[in-house]
């Protein structure tokens, strides 16, 4: 089987590809990765010499290229997205073009190419802020940022291709991921790398915003269960089961890095900052047997150790980030 995976030079997609390539099962798929190699993608995240991996650099909005690759693929797992909320606030157009137009291009290619299954990777942010309880898959979509609005739009497009054309589309919505190889603009690697370098860390407001944390390997487990066992036209929430305020998370990161609260700088809160996300993942548990396997404290400690031991991976990225904001 040939599996087309988009955006797999990034954090989550590359973890997914590395996991599948590590399998020696007789039915383990050949994988074609399509990635534009934006600032958040790195070839260092992929085992490029693996015999079952082909890498193609390109844009998911390239109709001709997408048509060729989907015509050769049996299934598609679509990770490619612009995903940083702050960037979407200062410039939304890339998010609309990649997340909405790019997804539509892929869906059309999959339909014309006869792809059997299309797994669309989304986010809990499409539900918006949840005061209490947890969002089920049929919860009203109330995105707050241009990023989450573009992801909600792509979700609806994907499901429309199922309802209109009968394309086997399956949508996953995950909570906040963490783990190795995450680009250091996101909160955990940003804080960890800043602390390891002796710098300050920026905490929005008083740090009251609450997120559910999901180890990237648990997310991958969920995606693979949806790909192999999910139902066409269905949405599956994938959660981690660890809700923390940003202040609580900051305290754990300070502790892991041997730092004190004097290293924290409180900064003006983000525009439209959702107070709390929480997904109900009982559907994935009941239908697919999904359960997160990583204890958060242990997973966080392993993640901190990875960044401590892999400066050669993240230091060039931080230099580029500094040049970008200079």
Protein backbone atom coordinates (compact mmCIF):
# COMPACT_ATOMS: atom_id res chain seq x y z
CA UNK A 1 0.00 0.00 0.00
CA UNK A 2 1.16 3.53 -0.79
CA UNK A 3 0.35 6.11 1.87
CA UNK A 4 0.62 9.82 1.02
CA UNK A 5 1.40 11.88 4.14
CA UNK A 6 1.34 15.67 3.84
CA UNK A 7 3.29 18.00 6.12
CA UNK A 8 5.45 15.18 7.41
CA UNK A 9 8.63 17.20 7.76
CA UNK A 10 6.95 18.94 10.70
CA UNK A 11 6.55 17.91 14.31
CA UNK A 12 3.53 15.59 14.35
CA UNK A 13 3.67 14.36 10.76
CA UNK A 14 7.32 13.32 11.03
CA UNK A 15 6.63 11.45 14.27
CA UNK A 16 3.83 9.61 12.48
CA UNK A 17 6.08 8.68 9.55
CA UNK A 18 8.97 7.57 11.77
CA UNK A 19 6.59 5.34 13.73
CA UNK A 20 5.16 3.68 10.62
CA UNK A 21 8.58 3.18 9.07
CA UNK A 22 9.81 1.49 12.26
CA UNK A 23 7.28 -1.31 11.72
CA UNK A 24 8.43 -4.47 9.99
CA UNK A 25 4.91 -5.85 9.65
CA UNK A 26 4.15 -7.46 6.25
CA UNK A 27 1.44 -4.87 5.57
CA UNK A 28 3.55 -1.84 6.59
CA UNK A 29 2.93 0.85 3.95
CA UNK A 30 5.29 2.55 1.57
CA UNK A 31 5.13 6.27 2.36
CA UNK A 32 5.33 9.32 0.14
CA UNK A 33 5.84 12.55 2.06
CA UNK A 34 4.69 15.82 0.49
CA UNK A 35 6.02 18.86 2.32
CA UNK A 36 6.68 22.45 1.26
CA UNK A 37 9.51 22.79 3.82
CA UNK A 38 8.30 26.03 5.33
CA UNK A 39 10.13 27.46 8.34
CA UNK A 40 8.55 24.77 10.58
CA UNK A 41 9.61 21.77 8.48
CA UNK A 42 12.99 20.08 8.55
CA UNK A 43 14.43 17.15 6.62
CA UNK A 44 16.34 16.30 9.80
CA UNK A 45 13.02 15.02 11.16
CA UNK A 46 12.83 12.22 8.56
CA UNK A 47 14.90 9.07 7.86
CA UNK A 48 15.37 9.97 4.20
CA UNK A 49 17.43 6.87 3.42
CA UNK A 50 14.65 4.48 4.47
CA UNK A 51 13.73 2.17 1.56
CA UNK A 52 9.97 2.63 2.11
CA UNK A 53 10.12 6.44 2.14
CA UNK A 54 9.95 8.86 -0.78
CA UNK A 55 10.17 12.59 -0.10
CA UNK A 56 8.63 15.15 -2.47
CA UNK A 57 9.05 18.87 -1.83
CA UNK A 58 5.99 20.77 -2.96
CA UNK A 59 2.90 22.78 -2.09
CA UNK A 60 -0.43 21.13 -1.32
CA UNK A 61 -2.01 23.90 -3.47
CA UNK A 62 -0.12 22.66 -6.55
CA UNK A 63 -2.98 21.01 -8.44
CA UNK A 64 -0.79 19.18 -10.94
CA UNK A 65 1.60 17.77 -8.33
CA UNK A 66 -1.19 16.84 -5.93
CA UNK A 67 -3.09 15.14 -8.76
CA UNK A 68 -0.03 13.06 -9.63
CA UNK A 69 0.66 11.99 -6.06
CA UNK A 70 -2.96 11.25 -5.11
CA UNK A 71 -3.27 9.24 -8.31
CA UNK A 72 -0.46 7.00 -7.01
CA UNK A 73 -1.71 6.81 -3.41
CA UNK A 74 -4.08 4.33 -1.82
CA UNK A 75 -4.68 6.50 1.25
CA UNK A 76 -3.90 10.04 2.42
CA UNK A 77 -3.09 11.31 5.91
CA UNK A 78 -3.20 15.11 5.83
CA UNK A 79 -1.11 16.88 8.50
CA UNK A 80 0.04 19.87 6.43
CA UNK A 81 -1.12 23.15 7.95
CA UNK A 82 -0.07 26.56 9.13
CA UNK A 83 -0.64 26.17 12.85
CA UNK A 84 0.75 29.00 14.99
CA UNK A 85 -2.03 31.14 16.46
CA UNK A 86 0.11 34.25 17.00
CA UNK A 87 1.24 34.22 13.37
CA UNK A 88 -2.38 33.91 12.21
CA UNK A 89 -3.32 37.02 14.18
CA UNK A 90 -0.66 39.15 12.50
CA UNK A 91 -1.16 37.62 9.03
CA UNK A 92 -4.12 35.36 8.24
CA UNK A 93 -3.76 34.92 4.47
CA UNK A 94 -1.20 32.07 4.60
CA UNK A 95 -3.52 30.19 6.95
CA UNK A 96 -6.50 30.51 4.64
CA UNK A 97 -4.49 29.61 1.55
CA UNK A 98 -2.76 26.58 3.05
CA UNK A 99 -5.38 25.24 5.44
CA UNK A 100 -8.49 25.87 3.32
CA UNK A 101 -7.40 26.05 -0.32
CA UNK A 102 -4.67 23.46 0.17
CA UNK A 103 -7.04 21.02 1.83
CA UNK A 104 -9.60 21.47 -0.97
CA UNK A 105 -6.89 20.80 -3.56
CA UNK A 106 -5.95 17.57 -1.77
CA UNK A 107 -9.56 16.47 -1.41
CA UNK A 108 -10.21 17.03 -5.11
CA UNK A 109 -7.05 15.13 -5.98
CA UNK A 110 -8.02 12.27 -3.69
CA UNK A 111 -11.48 12.11 -5.23
CA UNK A 112 -10.19 12.09 -8.81
CA UNK A 113 -7.35 9.72 -7.97
CA UNK A 114 -9.55 7.08 -6.37
CA UNK A 115 -8.00 7.33 -2.90
CA UNK A 116 -9.72 4.85 -0.59
CA UNK A 117 -9.34 6.75 2.73
CA UNK A 118 -8.52 10.38 3.56
CA UNK A 119 -7.63 11.17 7.20
CA UNK A 120 -7.80 14.89 7.93
CA UNK A 121 -5.89 16.05 11.02
CA UNK A 122 -7.53 18.94 12.87
CA UNK A 123 -7.50 20.54 16.33
CA UNK A 124 -9.59 21.04 19.45
CA UNK A 125 -9.33 24.79 18.84
CA UNK A 126 -12.18 24.60 16.31
CA UNK A 127 -14.60 24.21 19.24
CA UNK A 128 -13.53 27.47 20.83
CA UNK A 129 -13.39 28.11 24.56
CA UNK A 130 -15.27 25.68 26.82
CA UNK A 131 -16.33 27.04 30.22
CA UNK A 132 -17.05 23.61 31.72
CA UNK A 133 -17.26 20.01 30.61
CA UNK A 134 -15.70 18.78 27.37
CA UNK A 135 -16.52 19.14 23.68
CA UNK A 136 -17.94 16.09 21.93
CA UNK A 137 -17.54 15.65 18.19
CA UNK A 138 -20.94 17.20 17.46
CA UNK A 139 -20.22 20.30 19.55
CA UNK A 140 -20.84 23.66 17.86
CA UNK A 141 -17.73 25.01 16.11
CA UNK A 142 -16.83 28.45 17.49
CA UNK A 143 -13.22 29.18 16.47
CA UNK A 144 -11.68 32.37 17.84
CA UNK A 145 -8.45 32.87 15.87
CA UNK A 146 -7.84 33.01 12.12
CA UNK A 147 -5.87 29.77 12.57
CA UNK A 148 -8.71 27.86 14.22
CA UNK A 149 -11.24 29.36 11.81
CA UNK A 150 -9.19 28.09 8.86
CA UNK A 151 -9.01 24.63 10.43
CA UNK A 152 -12.76 24.59 11.09
CA UNK A 153 -13.30 25.54 7.46
CA UNK A 154 -11.07 22.71 6.27
CA UNK A 155 -12.91 20.26 8.53
CA UNK A 156 -16.22 21.25 6.96
CA UNK A 157 -14.80 20.97 3.46
CA UNK A 158 -13.46 17.49 4.19
CA UNK A 159 -16.79 16.30 5.60
CA UNK A 160 -18.61 17.89 2.64
CA UNK A 161 -16.52 15.78 0.23
CA UNK A 162 -17.75 12.72 2.11
CA UNK A 163 -21.39 13.78 2.07
CA UNK A 164 -21.41 15.04 -1.51
CA UNK A 165 -19.04 12.65 -3.26
CA UNK A 166 -18.88 9.64 -0.93
CA UNK A 167 -15.14 10.09 -0.34
CA UNK A 168 -14.08 8.14 2.76
CA UNK A 169 -13.02 11.07 4.93
CA UNK A 170 -12.20 10.71 8.62
CA UNK A 171 -11.43 13.77 10.77
CA UNK A 172 -9.38 13.84 13.97
CA UNK A 173 -9.36 16.73 16.45
CA UNK A 174 -6.51 16.61 18.95
CA UNK A 175 -5.60 18.57 22.05
CA UNK A 176 -2.22 20.31 22.56
CA UNK A 177 0.69 18.09 21.54
CA UNK A 178 4.14 17.98 23.11
CA UNK A 179 7.25 15.88 22.59
CA UNK A 180 10.60 15.82 20.72
CA UNK A 181 11.13 17.65 17.41
CA UNK A 182 8.48 20.33 18.12
CA UNK A 183 9.38 23.66 16.53
CA UNK A 184 10.53 26.07 19.28
CA UNK A 185 7.84 28.70 18.72
CA UNK A 186 5.30 26.54 20.60
CA UNK A 187 5.02 27.00 24.34
CA UNK A 188 6.79 23.91 25.73
CA UNK A 189 9.86 23.93 23.45
CA UNK A 190 10.01 27.74 23.57
CA UNK A 191 10.06 27.77 27.36
CA UNK A 192 12.44 24.82 27.64
CA UNK A 193 14.98 26.18 25.16
CA UNK A 194 14.81 29.67 26.69
CA UNK A 195 15.34 28.26 30.18
CA UNK A 196 18.22 26.04 29.05
CA UNK A 197 19.88 29.15 27.61
CA UNK A 198 19.32 31.19 30.78
CA UNK A 199 16.70 33.48 29.21
CA UNK A 200 13.29 34.68 30.37
CA UNK A 201 10.05 32.98 29.37
CA UNK A 202 6.92 34.97 28.34
CA UNK A 203 3.71 34.00 30.14
CA UNK A 204 0.49 35.44 28.74
CA UNK A 205 -1.43 37.39 31.40
CA UNK A 206 -1.63 35.51 34.67
CA UNK A 207 -1.38 32.10 32.98
CA UNK A 208 -5.00 31.16 33.69
CA UNK A 209 -5.64 29.62 30.26
CA UNK A 210 -6.20 25.86 30.47
CA UNK A 211 -5.13 23.25 27.92
CA UNK A 212 -5.27 19.46 27.74
CA UNK A 213 -1.84 17.99 26.96
CA UNK A 214 -1.27 15.04 24.63
CA UNK A 215 2.05 13.33 23.97
CA UNK A 216 2.75 13.23 20.25
CA UNK A 217 3.14 9.44 20.34
CA UNK A 218 -0.34 9.10 21.84
CA UNK A 219 -1.69 11.36 19.11
CA UNK A 220 -0.07 9.15 16.48
CA UNK A 221 -1.61 6.08 18.08
CA UNK A 222 -5.01 7.76 17.77
CA UNK A 223 -4.48 8.78 14.14
CA UNK A 224 -3.46 5.26 13.18
CA UNK A 225 -6.50 3.80 14.92
CA UNK A 226 -8.72 6.21 12.99
CA UNK A 227 -6.99 5.33 9.70
CA UNK A 228 -7.28 1.58 10.19
CA UNK A 229 -10.46 1.21 12.24
CA UNK A 230 -12.42 4.46 11.96
CA UNK A 231 -15.68 4.96 10.10
CA UNK A 232 -16.13 7.05 6.95
CA UNK A 233 -17.58 10.49 7.54
CA UNK A 234 -16.86 10.48 11.28
CA UNK A 235 -14.99 12.89 13.54
CA UNK A 236 -12.86 11.55 16.40
CA UNK A 237 -11.50 13.62 19.28
CA UNK A 238 -8.06 12.58 20.53
CA UNK A 239 -7.19 13.85 24.02
CA UNK A 240 -4.41 13.38 26.53
CA UNK A 241 -6.31 13.55 29.80
CA UNK A 242 -4.04 16.12 31.48
CA UNK A 243 -5.60 19.58 31.90
CA UNK A 244 -3.26 22.27 33.19
CA UNK A 245 -3.36 26.03 33.35
CA UNK A 246 -0.46 27.74 31.61
CA UNK A 247 0.76 28.83 35.04
CA UNK A 248 0.77 25.21 36.26
CA UNK A 249 2.60 24.13 33.10
CA UNK A 250 5.15 26.92 33.58
CA UNK A 251 5.80 25.74 37.14
CA UNK A 252 6.51 22.21 35.92
CA UNK A 253 8.85 23.48 33.20
CA UNK A 254 10.73 25.68 35.67
CA UNK A 255 11.11 22.70 37.97
CA UNK A 256 12.32 20.45 35.13
CA UNK A 257 14.92 23.01 34.07
CA UNK A 258 16.07 23.92 37.59
CA UNK A 259 14.81 27.50 37.29
CA UNK A 260 12.80 29.86 39.51
CA UNK A 261 9.82 32.13 38.93
CA UNK A 262 12.10 35.14 38.53
CA UNK A 263 12.74 33.80 35.02
CA UNK A 264 9.09 34.44 34.07
CA UNK A 265 7.99 37.66 32.38
CA UNK A 266 4.26 38.33 32.27
CA UNK A 267 3.29 39.70 28.86
CA UNK A 268 0.10 41.22 27.48
CA UNK A 269 -2.48 38.55 26.75
CA UNK A 270 -3.04 37.36 23.20
CA UNK A 271 -6.02 38.77 21.29
CA UNK A 272 -9.04 36.47 21.44
CA UNK A 273 -7.20 34.08 23.75
CA UNK A 274 -9.53 31.15 24.53
CA UNK A 275 -9.64 30.41 28.24
CA UNK A 276 -10.05 26.63 28.10
CA UNK A 277 -10.06 23.77 25.61
CA UNK A 278 -11.22 20.29 26.56
CA UNK A 279 -12.29 17.41 24.33
CA UNK A 280 -14.36 14.37 25.21
CA UNK A 281 -12.52 11.44 23.62
CA UNK A 282 -14.87 8.69 24.79
CA UNK A 283 -15.91 7.98 21.18
CA UNK A 284 -12.33 7.08 20.21
CA UNK A 285 -11.99 5.03 23.38
CA UNK A 286 -15.23 3.11 22.87
CA UNK A 287 -15.07 2.58 19.10
CA UNK A 288 -11.33 2.27 18.50
CA UNK A 289 -9.80 1.29 21.85
CA UNK A 290 -7.81 4.53 22.09
CA UNK A 291 -6.17 5.39 25.41
CA UNK A 292 -3.24 7.74 26.03
CA UNK A 293 -0.26 5.79 27.34
CA UNK A 294 2.09 8.54 28.50
CA UNK A 295 2.12 9.88 32.03
CA UNK A 296 2.41 13.64 31.58
CA UNK A 297 5.15 14.28 34.13
CA UNK A 298 7.29 11.45 32.77
CA UNK A 299 6.65 12.50 29.18
CA UNK A 300 7.49 16.11 29.98
CA UNK A 301 10.74 15.11 31.69
CA UNK A 302 11.71 13.01 28.65
CA UNK A 303 10.89 15.94 26.37
CA UNK A 304 13.03 18.35 28.39
CA UNK A 305 15.88 15.83 28.29
CA UNK A 306 15.56 15.56 24.50
CA UNK A 307 15.92 19.32 24.05
CA UNK A 308 18.80 19.36 26.52
CA UNK A 309 20.58 16.64 24.50
CA UNK A 310 19.75 17.93 21.01
CA UNK A 311 20.93 21.51 20.89
CA UNK A 312 22.23 20.96 17.35
CA UNK A 313 18.62 20.44 16.24
CA UNK A 314 17.00 23.49 17.83
CA UNK A 315 19.74 26.11 18.09
CA UNK A 316 19.75 26.89 14.32
CA UNK A 317 15.95 27.19 14.44
CA UNK A 318 16.11 29.64 17.33
CA UNK A 319 18.71 31.71 15.47
CA UNK A 320 16.39 31.88 12.46
CA UNK A 321 13.51 32.93 14.71
CA UNK A 322 15.67 35.70 16.16
CA UNK A 323 16.65 36.91 12.68
CA UNK A 324 12.99 36.87 11.63
CA UNK A 325 12.00 39.16 14.51
CA UNK A 326 15.08 41.39 14.35
